[in-house]
Amino acid sequence: MSEIKFTFIVPNYNKGEYINDCLDSITNQTYKNYEVIVVDDGSTDDSLEKVKKYNSFKVLKTNRRGAGGARNCGLKEATGDYIIFLDSDDYLTSNESLEKLVKTIKGEDVIFLDFTKKRSTGEFVYMTEEDKSLEERIADTEYLGCPTKCFKRELLKDITFPECKRYEDIAFTLTALCKAKSYTSFKESFFTYRIVPNSNVTAPISEDTMVDMLEEYLKLYRLAIKYPQHKDSLMKRLKEAKISLRFEVLDQTLLTGVNKYRETFL
């Protein structure tokens, strides 16, 4: 295919401490056919001023619509052949990440990306997944976060993220996988994922959070109806998600005020 154009969609909310690392990692890429759309979701720190210094980047604004709402906004403006979602506290692992990725792509709908996790201790852990069929990935992939995939833009037509919610990636990613006809894997670290304070990963699991997760998992029943060819894989994922137990923990939390989510699931 002709030279691939990528669109980076970077949602940001108060990540001024990290956003230069994120955006510099893009500008330092040896492969240059890309656009960057930064969507600031109402930041109150200095991150928006830092973003504005990158003159070639498109800067959009949302008002507390969450990462999902910010990504939806970016998707509407994207013109690239492929979409990469990069969070504003993460960064591309090397200056050649994009150049190596483009050599991997042969027109596939989805590219599964290996990555590196940087723990709060400073330890780096390489995160990869063994090669599996698409059905196996729908059924049991551990990595449903949208930054762990590079998506063909055409594949994402008519798919949106839920807004103002956590776990917004679950149904989005699985819908894309159900629509996909082809895929490949990028078998080295494409980006580095930082575990930082005040992120969705480190935030407490509240009643609202439990409901957000349940709502996302319940959407998989709709997917099983819409894509019957993937029904068995989706139902396997739902079984492993222990939906009834999640409802039980939520019931007990609301009735007693005692939140046992982490000790039950984590």
Foldseek 3Di string as FASTA:
>chain_A
DPDFEEEEEEEDAQPLVAQVQAVVLVVLAPDDRYAYEYEYADHPDCNVVVVVVPPRHHYHYHHQFPPQVSVQVVLVVDDTQKYAYDYRNKHFPHSHLVVLVSVVDDPFFKEFAWAWEQEPVRDIDTDDDDDDDLLQCLQDPPDQPRNRMMGGSVLQPPAGFHTNAPPRRQQRSSSSSLSTDGYYYDPGHGMYHYDDPPDPVPDDCDLRNLVRVLVSLVCLVVVCVVRVVSVVSSVNNSVVVPSVVSVVQSVCCVVPVDRCVVVVPD
